[in-house]
Amino acid sequence: MNSLVFLLSALSFAVLASSRGFYQCQPCRGEECNVRPEGCKYGMDKGPCGIWRCNSGPGQRCGGRDNHLGKCGNGTTCNCGICRGCSTDMYEIGIIECSKGFICY
């Protein structure tokens, strides 16, 4: 019984230790932290490493730890790894862009 507890404890520790190096990037420094991408249809946000990136729109990938797969733009929410809803950023310029219905189990 003690060996089983020890084995489970060791496996748990190994998983926690390996998750610390999840992001393979260094925090941005200086001017690179202020560089913003161009042509972002759904707005932009800083990613987990501190660098600006475009947000995802309806039907595009999102989620993951700290939204490393993408963060949904205004008017949409991440559901099952896909941005759902209607983009308010596109609506403001006269374009109605929404995701198609989807049920996630």
PDB file of N, CA and C in Angstrom:
ATOM      1  N   MET A   1       0.812  -1.191   0.000  1.00  0.00           N
ATOM      2  CA  MET A   1       0.000   0.000   0.000  1.00  0.00           C
ATOM      3  C   MET A   1       0.863   1.264   0.000  1.00  0.00           C
ATOM      4  N   ASN A   2       1.922   1.258   0.811  1.00  0.00           N
ATOM      5  CA  ASN A   2       2.802   2.423   0.870  1.00  0.00           C
ATOM      6  C   ASN A   2       3.482   2.680  -0.463  1.00  0.00           C
ATOM      7  N   SER A   3       3.828   1.605  -1.182  1.00  0.00           N
ATOM      8  CA  SER A   3       4.484   1.793  -2.473  1.00  0.00           C
ATOM      9  C   SER A   3       3.530   2.408  -3.490  1.00  0.00           C
ATOM     10  N   LEU A   4       2.249   2.068  -3.418  1.00  0.00           N
ATOM     11  CA  LEU A   4       1.255   2.659  -4.321  1.00  0.00           C
ATOM     12  C   LEU A   4       1.102   4.155  -4.034  1.00  0.00           C
ATOM     13  N   VAL A   5       1.041   4.526  -2.768  1.00  0.00           N
ATOM     14  CA  VAL A   5       0.942   5.943  -2.393  1.00  0.00           C
ATOM     15  C   VAL A   5       2.189   6.695  -2.866  1.00  0.00           C
ATOM     16  N   PHE A   6       3.353   6.082  -2.670  1.00  0.00           N
ATOM     17  CA  PHE A   6       4.600   6.714  -3.115  1.00  0.00           C
ATOM     18  C   PHE A   6       4.605   6.901  -4.628  1.00  0.00           C
ATOM     19  N   LEU A   7       4.166   5.878  -5.369  1.00  0.00           N
ATOM     20  CA  LEU A   7       4.149   5.950  -6.832  1.00  0.00           C
ATOM     21  C   LEU A   7       3.205   7.059  -7.307  1.00  0.00           C
ATOM     22  N   LEU A   8       2.014   7.125  -6.719  1.00  0.00           N
ATOM     23  CA  LEU A   8       1.056   8.174  -7.103  1.00  0.00           C
ATOM     24  C   LEU A   8       1.577   9.561  -6.750  1.00  0.00           C
ATOM     25  N   SER A   9       2.220   9.689  -5.608  1.00  0.00           N
ATOM     26  CA  SER A   9       2.802  10.974  -5.225  1.00  0.00           C
ATOM     27  C   SER A   9       3.904  11.397  -6.186  1.00  0.00           C
ATOM     28  N   ALA A  10       4.758  10.436  -6.571  1.00  0.00           N
ATOM     29  CA  ALA A  10       5.845  10.741  -7.501  1.00  0.00           C
ATOM     30  C   ALA A  10       5.301  11.146  -8.863  1.00  0.00           C
ATOM     31  N   LEU A  11       4.264  10.461  -9.355  1.00  0.00           N
ATOM     32  CA  LEU A  11       3.659  10.821 -10.639  1.00  0.00           C
ATOM     33  C   LEU A  11       3.027  12.206 -10.581  1.00  0.00           C
ATOM     34  N   SER A  12       2.343  12.508  -9.494  1.00  0.00           N
ATOM     35  CA  SER A  12       1.729  13.835  -9.341  1.00  0.00           C
ATOM     36  C   SER A  12       2.788  14.928  -9.346  1.00  0.00           C
ATOM     37  N   PHE A  13       3.877  14.706  -8.636  1.00  0.00           N
ATOM     38  CA  PHE A  13       4.961  15.675  -8.597  1.00  0.00           C
ATOM     39  C   PHE A  13       5.561  15.876  -9.985  1.00  0.00           C
ATOM     40  N   ALA A  14       5.748  14.796 -10.737  1.00  0.00           N
ATOM     41  CA  ALA A  14       6.324  14.886 -12.086  1.00  0.00           C
ATOM     42  C   ALA A  14       5.426  15.691 -13.012  1.00  0.00           C
ATOM     43  N   VAL A  15       4.123  15.482 -12.920  1.00  0.00           N
ATOM     44  CA  VAL A  15       3.184  16.232 -13.757  1.00  0.00           C
ATOM     45  C   VAL A  15       3.211  17.710 -13.398  1.00  0.00           C
ATOM     46  N   LEU A  16       3.187  18.036 -12.118  1.00  0.00           N
ATOM     47  CA  LEU A  16       3.235  19.440 -11.695  1.00  0.00           C
ATOM     48  C   LEU A  16       4.538  20.105 -12.093  1.00  0.00           C
ATOM     49  N   ALA A  17       5.640  19.409 -11.962  1.00  0.00           N
ATOM     50  CA  ALA A  17       6.949  19.981 -12.306  1.00  0.00           C
ATOM     51  C   ALA A  17       7.044  20.241 -13.801  1.00  0.00           C
ATOM     52  N   SER A  18       6.511  19.340 -14.615  1.00  0.00           N
ATOM     53  CA  SER A  18       6.607  19.533 -16.064  1.00  0.00           C
ATOM     54  C   SER A  18       5.677  20.633 -16.544  1.00  0.00           C
ATOM     55  N   SER A  19       4.593  20.915 -15.829  1.00  0.00           N
ATOM     56  CA  SER A  19       3.664  21.959 -16.271  1.00  0.00           C
ATOM     57  C   SER A  19       4.229  23.362 -16.054  1.00  0.00           C
ATOM     58  N   ARG A  20       5.265  23.513 -15.228  1.00  0.00           N
ATOM     59  CA  ARG A  20       5.862  24.831 -14.987  1.00  0.00           C
ATOM     60  C   ARG A  20       6.491  25.397 -16.245  1.00  0.00           C
ATOM     61  N   GLY A  21       7.008  24.567 -17.122  1.00  0.00           N
ATOM     62  CA  GLY A  21       7.629  25.032 -18.354  1.00  0.00           C
ATOM     63  C   GLY A  21       6.695  24.966 -19.538  1.00  0.00           C
ATOM     64  N   PHE A  22       5.415  25.262 -19.324  1.00  0.00           N
ATOM     65  CA  PHE A  22       4.406  25.117 -20.369  1.00  0.00           C
ATOM     66  C   PHE A  22       4.663  26.040 -21.557  1.00  0.00           C
ATOM     67  N   TYR A  23       4.962  27.299 -21.293  1.00  0.00           N
ATOM     68  CA  TYR A  23       5.184  28.247 -22.381  1.00  0.00           C
ATOM     69  C   TYR A  23       6.655  28.249 -22.781  1.00  0.00           C
ATOM     70  N   GLN A  24       6.886  28.133 -24.043  1.00  0.00           N
ATOM     71  CA  GLN A  24       8.250  28.125 -24.556  1.00  0.00           C
ATOM     72  C   GLN A  24       8.633  29.514 -25.041  1.00  0.00           C
ATOM     73  N   CYS A  25       8.434  30.504 -24.201  1.00  0.00           N
ATOM     74  CA  CYS A  25       8.800  31.869 -24.561  1.00  0.00           C
ATOM     75  C   CYS A  25       9.264  32.608 -23.324  1.00  0.00           C
ATOM     76  N   GLN A  26       9.975  33.661 -23.557  1.00  0.00           N
ATOM     77  CA  GLN A  26      10.414  34.545 -22.483  1.00  0.00           C
ATOM     78  C   GLN A  26       9.498  35.762 -22.486  1.00  0.00           C
ATOM     79  N   PRO A  27       9.263  36.359 -21.342  1.00  0.00           N
ATOM     80  CA  PRO A  27       8.457  37.581 -21.328  1.00  0.00           C
ATOM     81  C   PRO A  27       9.083  38.638 -22.245  1.00  0.00           C
ATOM     82  N   CYS A  28       8.233  39.401 -22.932  1.00  0.00           N
ATOM     83  CA  CYS A  28       8.755  40.429 -23.829  1.00  0.00           C
ATOM     84  C   CYS A  28       9.514  41.477 -23.031  1.00  0.00           C
ATOM     85  N   ARG A  29      10.410  42.165 -23.747  1.00  0.00           N
ATOM     86  CA  ARG A  29      11.218  43.207 -23.102  1.00  0.00           C
ATOM     87  C   ARG A  29      11.250  44.456 -23.971  1.00  0.00           C
ATOM     88  N   GLY A  30      11.210  45.577 -23.315  1.00  0.00           N
ATOM     89  CA  GLY A  30      11.377  46.848 -24.012  1.00  0.00           C
ATOM     90  C   GLY A  30      10.337  47.102 -25.080  1.00  0.00           C
ATOM     91  N   GLU A  31      10.819  47.531 -26.227  1.00  0.00           N
ATOM     92  CA  GLU A  31       9.950  47.966 -27.319  1.00  0.00           C
ATOM     93  C   GLU A  31       9.112  46.837 -27.909  1.00  0.00           C
ATOM     94  N   GLU A  32       9.603  45.585 -27.864  1.00  0.00           N
ATOM     95  CA  GLU A  32       8.845  44.477 -28.447  1.00  0.00           C
ATOM     96  C   GLU A  32       7.493  44.281 -27.745  1.00  0.00           C
ATOM     97  N   CYS A  33       7.363  44.771 -26.518  1.00  0.00           N
ATOM     98  CA  CYS A  33       6.102  44.665 -25.788  1.00  0.00           C
ATOM     99  C   CYS A  33       5.041  45.613 -26.343  1.00  0.00           C
ATOM    100  N   ASN A  34       5.463  46.620 -27.091  1.00  0.00           N
ATOM    101  CA  ASN A  34       4.531  47.616 -27.621  1.00  0.00           C
ATOM    102  C   ASN A  34       4.162  47.403 -29.082  1.00  0.00           C
ATOM    103  N   VAL A  35       4.797  46.450 -29.764  1.00  0.00           N
ATOM    104  CA  VAL A  35       4.508  46.205 -31.180  1.00  0.00           C
ATOM    105  C   VAL A  35       3.145  45.535 -31.302  1.00  0.00           C
ATOM    106  N   ARG A  36       2.251  46.161 -32.051  1.00  0.00           N
ATOM    107  CA  ARG A  36       0.895  45.629 -32.234  1.00  0.00           C
ATOM    108  C   ARG A  36       0.723  45.120 -33.657  1.00  0.00           C
ATOM    109  N   PRO A  37       0.095  43.947 -33.805  1.00  0.00           N
ATOM    110  CA  PRO A  37      -0.120  43.410 -35.153  1.00  0.00           C
ATOM    111  C   PRO A  37      -1.130  44.267 -35.920  1.00  0.00           C
ATOM    112  N   GLU A  38      -1.046  44.224 -37.231  1.00  0.00           N
ATOM    113  CA  GLU A  38      -1.968  44.987 -38.074  1.00  0.00           C
ATOM    114  C   GLU A  38      -3.047  44.069 -38.631  1.00  0.00           C
ATOM    115  N   GLY A  39      -4.189  44.647 -38.950  1.00  0.00           N
ATOM    116  CA  GLY A  39      -5.259  43.898 -39.607  1.00  0.00           C
ATOM    117  C   GLY A  39      -6.030  42.960 -38.700  1.00  0.00           C
ATOM    118  N   CYS A  40      -6.123  43.248 -37.431  1.00  0.00           N
ATOM    119  CA  CYS A  40      -6.871  42.390 -36.501  1.00  0.00           C
ATOM    120  C   CYS A  40      -8.363  42.725 -36.607  1.00  0.00           C
ATOM    121  N   LYS A  41      -9.140  41.827 -37.200  1.00  0.00           N
ATOM    122  CA  LYS A  41     -10.572  42.058 -37.394  1.00  0.00           C
ATOM    123  C   LYS A  41     -11.352  42.042 -36.086  1.00  0.00           C
ATOM    124  N   TYR A  42     -10.873  41.299 -35.096  1.00  0.00           N
ATOM    125  CA  TYR A  42     -11.645  41.080 -33.872  1.00  0.00           C
ATOM    126  C   TYR A  42     -10.975  41.669 -32.639  1.00  0.00           C
ATOM    127  N   GLY A  43     -10.149  42.662 -32.842  1.00  0.00           N
ATOM    128  CA  GLY A  43      -9.453  43.292 -31.730  1.00  0.00           C
ATOM    129  C   GLY A  43      -8.150  42.577 -31.410  1.00  0.00           C
ATOM    130  N   MET A  44      -7.473  43.022 -30.380  1.00  0.00           N
ATOM    131  CA  MET A  44      -6.194  42.405 -29.998  1.00  0.00           C
ATOM    132  C   MET A  44      -6.052  42.420 -28.493  1.00  0.00           C
ATOM    133  N   ASP A  45      -5.135  41.577 -28.029  1.00  0.00           N
ATOM    134  CA  ASP A  45      -4.900  41.422 -26.602  1.00  0.00           C
ATOM    135  C   ASP A  45      -3.480  40.908 -26.426  1.00  0.00           C
ATOM    136  N   LYS A  46      -2.924  41.082 -25.243  1.00  0.00           N
ATOM    137  CA  LYS A  46      -1.592  40.543 -24.979  1.00  0.00           C
ATOM    138  C   LYS A  46      -1.698  39.064 -24.632  1.00  0.00           C
ATOM    139  N   GLY A  47      -0.848  38.260 -25.243  1.00  0.00           N
ATOM    140  CA  GLY A  47      -0.806  36.832 -24.978  1.00  0.00           C
ATOM    141  C   GLY A  47      -0.090  36.527 -23.677  1.00  0.00           C
ATOM    142  N   PRO A  48       0.024  35.245 -23.333  1.00  0.00           N
ATOM    143  CA  PRO A  48       0.626  34.859 -22.061  1.00  0.00           C
ATOM    144  C   PRO A  48       2.096  35.260 -21.919  1.00  0.00           C
ATOM    145  N   CYS A  49       2.787  35.520 -23.023  1.00  0.00           N
ATOM    146  CA  CYS A  49       4.199  35.913 -22.956  1.00  0.00           C
ATOM    147  C   CYS A  49       4.374  37.427 -23.025  1.00  0.00           C
ATOM    148  N   GLY A  50       3.245  38.174 -23.049  1.00  0.00           N
ATOM    149  CA  GLY A  50       3.304  39.628 -23.019  1.00  0.00           C
ATOM    150  C   GLY A  50       3.376  40.297 -24.369  1.00  0.00           C
ATOM    151  N   ILE A  51       3.232  39.541 -25.452  1.00  0.00           N
ATOM    152  CA  ILE A  51       3.297  40.097 -26.802  1.00  0.00           C
ATOM    153  C   ILE A  51       1.873  40.266 -27.332  1.00  0.00           C
ATOM    154  N   TRP A  52       1.607  41.394 -27.994  1.00  0.00           N
ATOM    155  CA  TRP A  52       0.287  41.643 -28.567  1.00  0.00           C
ATOM    156  C   TRP A  52      -0.009  40.635 -29.666  1.00  0.00           C
ATOM    157  N   ARG A  53      -1.280  40.193 -29.749  1.00  0.00           N
ATOM    158  CA  ARG A  53      -1.721  39.262 -30.791  1.00  0.00           C
ATOM    159  C   ARG A  53      -3.177  39.544 -31.134  1.00  0.00           C
ATOM    160  N   CYS A  54      -3.578  39.134 -32.322  1.00  0.00           N
ATOM    161  CA  CYS A  54      -4.966  39.319 -32.764  1.00  0.00           C
ATOM    162  C   CYS A  54      -5.891  38.360 -32.022  1.00  0.00           C
ATOM    163  N   ASN A  55      -7.092  38.833 -31.705  1.00  0.00           N
ATOM    164  CA  ASN A  55      -8.101  37.974 -31.098  1.00  0.00           C
ATOM    165  C   ASN A  55      -8.744  37.107 -32.166  1.00  0.00           C
ATOM    166  N   SER A  56      -9.377  36.030 -31.735  1.00  0.00           N
ATOM    167  CA  SER A  56     -10.083  35.121 -32.640  1.00  0.00           C
ATOM    168  C   SER A  56     -11.514  35.608 -32.841  1.00  0.00           C
ATOM    169  N   GLY A  57     -12.103  35.251 -33.979  1.00  0.00           N
ATOM    170  CA  GLY A  57     -13.469  35.638 -34.302  1.00  0.00           C
ATOM    171  C   GLY A  57     -14.402  34.444 -34.312  1.00  0.00           C
ATOM    172  N   PRO A  58     -15.669  34.660 -34.659  1.00  0.00           N
ATOM    173  CA  PRO A  58     -16.655  33.587 -34.668  1.00  0.00           C
ATOM    174  C   PRO A  58     -16.181  32.381 -35.483  1.00  0.00           C
ATOM    175  N   GLY A  59     -16.248  31.199 -34.866  1.00  0.00           N
ATOM    176  CA  GLY A  59     -15.866  29.968 -35.542  1.00  0.00           C
ATOM    177  C   GLY A  59     -14.377  29.655 -35.502  1.00  0.00           C
ATOM    178  N   GLN A  60     -13.560  30.532 -34.928  1.00  0.00           N
ATOM    179  CA  GLN A  60     -12.112  30.299 -34.871  1.00  0.00           C
ATOM    180  C   GLN A  60     -11.716  29.683 -33.533  1.00  0.00           C
ATOM    181  N   ARG A  61     -10.515  29.083 -33.500  1.00  0.00           N
ATOM    182  CA  ARG A  61     -10.010  28.418 -32.292  1.00  0.00           C
ATOM    183  C   ARG A  61      -9.783  29.398 -31.151  1.00  0.00           C
ATOM    184  N   CYS A  62      -9.947  28.874 -29.937  1.00  0.00           N
ATOM    185  CA  CYS A  62      -9.725  29.677 -28.735  1.00  0.00           C
ATOM    186  C   CYS A  62      -9.467  28.756 -27.553  1.00  0.00           C
ATOM    187  N   GLY A  63      -9.086  29.367 -26.457  1.00  0.00           N
ATOM    188  CA  GLY A  63      -8.970  28.631 -25.202  1.00  0.00           C
ATOM    189  C   GLY A  63      -7.580  28.127 -24.910  1.00  0.00           C
ATOM    190  N   GLY A  64      -7.527  27.075 -24.114  1.00  0.00           N
ATOM    191  CA  GLY A  64      -6.259  26.545 -23.649  1.00  0.00           C
ATOM    192  C   GLY A  64      -5.803  27.319 -22.421  1.00  0.00           C
ATOM    193  N   ARG A  65      -4.710  26.877 -21.859  1.00  0.00           N
ATOM    194  CA  ARG A  65      -4.172  27.540 -20.669  1.00  0.00           C
ATOM    195  C   ARG A  65      -3.820  28.984 -21.014  1.00  0.00           C
ATOM    196  N   ASP A  66      -4.388  29.905 -20.274  1.00  0.00           N
ATOM    197  CA  ASP A  66      -4.180  31.346 -20.515  1.00  0.00           C
ATOM    198  C   ASP A  66      -4.511  31.749 -21.940  1.00  0.00           C
ATOM    199  N   ASN A  67      -5.483  31.080 -22.547  1.00  0.00           N
ATOM    200  CA  ASN A  67      -5.915  31.353 -23.932  1.00  0.00           C
ATOM    201  C   ASN A  67      -4.773  31.261 -24.934  1.00  0.00           C
ATOM    202  N   HIS A  68      -3.865  30.316 -24.754  1.00  0.00           N
ATOM    203  CA  HIS A  68      -2.733  30.206 -25.681  1.00  0.00           C
ATOM    204  C   HIS A  68      -3.169  29.777 -27.079  1.00  0.00           C
ATOM    205  N   LEU A  69      -4.379  29.208 -27.225  1.00  0.00           N
ATOM    206  CA  LEU A  69      -4.891  28.859 -28.551  1.00  0.00           C
ATOM    207  C   LEU A  69      -5.617  30.023 -29.206  1.00  0.00           C
ATOM    208  N   GLY A  70      -5.880  31.064 -28.431  1.00  0.00           N
ATOM    209  CA  GLY A  70      -6.557  32.244 -28.944  1.00  0.00           C
ATOM    210  C   GLY A  70      -7.574  32.761 -27.954  1.00  0.00           C
ATOM    211  N   LYS A  71      -7.769  34.057 -27.960  1.00  0.00           N
ATOM    212  CA  LYS A  71      -8.774  34.691 -27.112  1.00  0.00           C
ATOM    213  C   LYS A  71      -9.848  35.265 -28.018  1.00  0.00           C
ATOM    214  N   CYS A  72     -11.107  35.052 -27.667  1.00  0.00           N
ATOM    215  CA  CYS A  72     -12.212  35.532 -28.493  1.00  0.00           C
ATOM    216  C   CYS A  72     -12.347  37.044 -28.406  1.00  0.00           C
ATOM    217  N   GLY A  73     -12.713  37.643 -29.537  1.00  0.00           N
ATOM    218  CA  GLY A  73     -12.943  39.076 -29.594  1.00  0.00           C
ATOM    219  C   GLY A  73     -14.258  39.458 -28.947  1.00  0.00           C
ATOM    220  N   ASN A  74     -14.540  40.740 -28.903  1.00  0.00           N
ATOM    221  CA  ASN A  74     -15.757  41.271 -28.283  1.00  0.00           C
ATOM    222  C   ASN A  74     -17.015  40.675 -28.911  1.00  0.00           C
ATOM    223  N   GLY A  75     -17.956  40.283 -28.048  1.00  0.00           N
ATOM    224  CA  GLY A  75     -19.230  39.737 -28.508  1.00  0.00           C
ATOM    225  C   GLY A  75     -19.230  38.226 -28.646  1.00  0.00           C
ATOM    226  N   THR A  76     -18.074  37.604 -28.554  1.00  0.00           N
ATOM    227  CA  THR A  76     -17.994  36.148 -28.660  1.00  0.00           C
ATOM    228  C   THR A  76     -17.380  35.570 -27.389  1.00  0.00           C
ATOM    229  N   THR A  77     -17.694  34.322 -27.125  1.00  0.00           N
ATOM    230  CA  THR A  77     -17.133  33.618 -25.975  1.00  0.00           C
ATOM    231  C   THR A  77     -16.592  32.271 -26.436  1.00  0.00           C
ATOM    232  N   CYS A  78     -15.613  31.775 -25.727  1.00  0.00           N
ATOM    233  CA  CYS A  78     -14.994  30.499 -26.064  1.00  0.00           C
ATOM    234  C   CYS A  78     -15.834  29.365 -25.487  1.00  0.00           C
ATOM    235  N   ASN A  79     -16.285  28.472 -26.354  1.00  0.00           N
ATOM    236  CA  ASN A  79     -17.088  27.327 -25.955  1.00  0.00           C
ATOM    237  C   ASN A  79     -16.571  26.115 -26.700  1.00  0.00           C
ATOM    238  N   CYS A  80     -16.013  25.162 -25.973  1.00  0.00           N
ATOM    239  CA  CYS A  80     -15.474  23.924 -26.561  1.00  0.00           C
ATOM    240  C   CYS A  80     -14.368  24.210 -27.575  1.00  0.00           C
ATOM    241  N   GLY A  81     -13.558  25.225 -27.314  1.00  0.00           N
ATOM    242  CA  GLY A  81     -12.418  25.521 -28.159  1.00  0.00           C
ATOM    243  C   GLY A  81     -12.720  26.331 -29.407  1.00  0.00           C
ATOM    244  N   ILE A  82     -13.950  26.845 -29.539  1.00  0.00           N
ATOM    245  CA  ILE A  82     -14.354  27.643 -30.700  1.00  0.00           C
ATOM    246  C   ILE A  82     -15.062  28.907 -30.205  1.00  0.00           C
ATOM    247  N   CYS A  83     -14.767  30.054 -30.828  1.00  0.00           N
ATOM    248  CA  CYS A  83     -15.452  31.302 -30.468  1.00  0.00           C
ATOM    249  C   CYS A  83     -16.888  31.257 -30.978  1.00  0.00           C
ATOM    250  N   ARG A  84     -17.840  31.491 -30.089  1.00  0.00           N
ATOM    251  CA  ARG A  84     -19.265  31.456 -30.418  1.00  0.00           C
ATOM    252  C   ARG A  84     -19.875  32.836 -30.187  1.00  0.00           C
ATOM    253  N   GLY A  85     -20.857  33.182 -31.009  1.00  0.00           N
ATOM    254  CA  GLY A  85     -21.555  34.447 -30.858  1.00  0.00           C
ATOM    255  C   GLY A  85     -21.344  35.337 -32.067  1.00  0.00           C
ATOM    256  N   CYS A  86     -21.620  36.613 -31.902  1.00  0.00           N
ATOM    257  CA  CYS A  86     -21.495  37.588 -32.988  1.00  0.00           C
ATOM    258  C   CYS A  86     -20.454  38.637 -32.617  1.00  0.00           C
ATOM    259  N   SER A  87     -19.602  38.951 -33.550  1.00  0.00           N
ATOM    260  CA  SER A  87     -18.533  39.923 -33.322  1.00  0.00           C
ATOM    261  C   SER A  87     -19.099  41.331 -33.267  1.00  0.00           C
ATOM    262  N   THR A  88     -18.957  41.975 -32.110  1.00  0.00           N
ATOM    263  CA  THR A  88     -19.417  43.358 -32.002  1.00  0.00           C
ATOM    264  C   THR A  88     -18.445  44.313 -32.697  1.00  0.00           C
ATOM    265  N   ASP A  89     -17.179  43.922 -32.829  1.00  0.00           N
ATOM    266  CA  ASP A  89     -16.214  44.768 -33.549  1.00  0.00           C
ATOM    267  C   ASP A  89     -16.596  44.889 -35.018  1.00  0.00           C
ATOM    268  N   MET A  90     -17.020  43.793 -35.629  1.00  0.00           N
ATOM    269  CA  MET A  90     -17.424  43.828 -37.040  1.00  0.00           C
ATOM    270  C   MET A  90     -18.781  44.530 -37.186  1.00  0.00           C
ATOM    271  N   TYR A  91     -19.680  44.332 -36.223  1.00  0.00           N
ATOM    272  CA  TYR A  91     -20.995  44.965 -36.256  1.00  0.00           C
ATOM    273  C   TYR A  91     -20.875  46.490 -36.275  1.00  0.00           C
ATOM    274  N   GLU A  92     -19.899  47.002 -35.527  1.00  0.00           N
ATOM    275  CA  GLU A  92     -19.712  48.452 -35.459  1.00  0.00           C
ATOM    276  C   GLU A  92     -19.337  49.064 -36.802  1.00  0.00           C
ATOM    277  N   ILE A  93     -18.779  48.264 -37.711  1.00  0.00           N
ATOM    278  CA  ILE A  93     -18.456  48.793 -39.048  1.00  0.00           C
ATOM    279  C   ILE A  93     -19.464  48.314 -40.092  1.00  0.00           C
ATOM    280  N   GLY A  94     -20.622  47.787 -39.610  1.00  0.00           N
ATOM    281  CA  GLY A  94     -21.717  47.438 -40.515  1.00  0.00           C
ATOM    282  C   GLY A  94     -21.698  46.019 -41.050  1.00  0.00           C
ATOM    283  N   ILE A  95     -20.903  45.137 -40.471  1.00  0.00           N
ATOM    284  CA  ILE A  95     -20.834  43.750 -40.934  1.00  0.00           C
ATOM    285  C   ILE A  95     -21.321  42.844 -39.803  1.00  0.00           C
ATOM    286  N   ILE A  96     -22.332  42.026 -40.104  1.00  0.00           N
ATOM    287  CA  ILE A  96     -22.831  41.089 -39.112  1.00  0.00           C
ATOM    288  C   ILE A  96     -22.146  39.748 -39.348  1.00  0.00           C
ATOM    289  N   GLU A  97     -21.368  39.334 -38.387  1.00  0.00           N
ATOM    290  CA  GLU A  97     -20.586  38.098 -38.497  1.00  0.00           C
ATOM    291  C   GLU A  97     -20.790  37.282 -37.233  1.00  0.00           C
ATOM    292  N   CYS A  98     -21.461  36.133 -37.383  1.00  0.00           N
ATOM    293  CA  CYS A  98     -21.779  35.283 -36.241  1.00  0.00           C
ATOM    294  C   CYS A  98     -21.351  33.842 -36.508  1.00  0.00           C
ATOM    295  N   SER A  99     -21.152  33.095 -35.423  1.00  0.00           N
ATOM    296  CA  SER A  99     -20.833  31.672 -35.574  1.00  0.00           C
ATOM    297  C   SER A  99     -22.127  30.903 -35.799  1.00  0.00           C
ATOM    298  N   LYS A 100     -22.011  29.759 -36.443  1.00  0.00           N
ATOM    299  CA  LYS A 100     -23.174  28.895 -36.664  1.00  0.00           C
ATOM    300  C   LYS A 100     -23.459  28.143 -35.369  1.00  0.00           C
ATOM    301  N   GLY A 101     -24.702  27.707 -35.195  1.00  0.00           N
ATOM    302  CA  GLY A 101     -25.092  26.996 -33.988  1.00  0.00           C
ATOM    303  C   GLY A 101     -24.254  25.755 -33.771  1.00  0.00           C
ATOM    304  N   PHE A 102     -23.951  25.463 -32.511  1.00  0.00           N
ATOM    305  CA  PHE A 102     -23.114  24.321 -32.176  1.00  0.00           C
ATOM    306  C   PHE A 102     -23.422  23.899 -30.751  1.00  0.00           C
ATOM    307  N   ILE A 103     -23.582  22.604 -30.561  1.00  0.00           N
ATOM    308  CA  ILE A 103     -23.827  22.076 -29.219  1.00  0.00           C
ATOM    309  C   ILE A 103     -22.598  21.272 -28.820  1.00  0.00           C
ATOM    310  N   CYS A 104     -22.066  21.553 -27.668  1.00  0.00           N
ATOM    311  CA  CYS A 104     -20.891  20.844 -27.160  1.00  0.00           C
ATOM    312  C   CYS A 104     -21.311  19.974 -26.003  1.00  0.00           C
ATOM    313  N   TYR A 105     -20.974  18.720 -26.064  1.00  0.00           N
ATOM    314  CA  TYR A 105     -21.315  17.794 -24.979  1.00  0.00           C
ATOM    315  C   TYR A 105     -20.132  17.517 -24.118  1.00  0.00           C
TER     316      TYR A 105
END
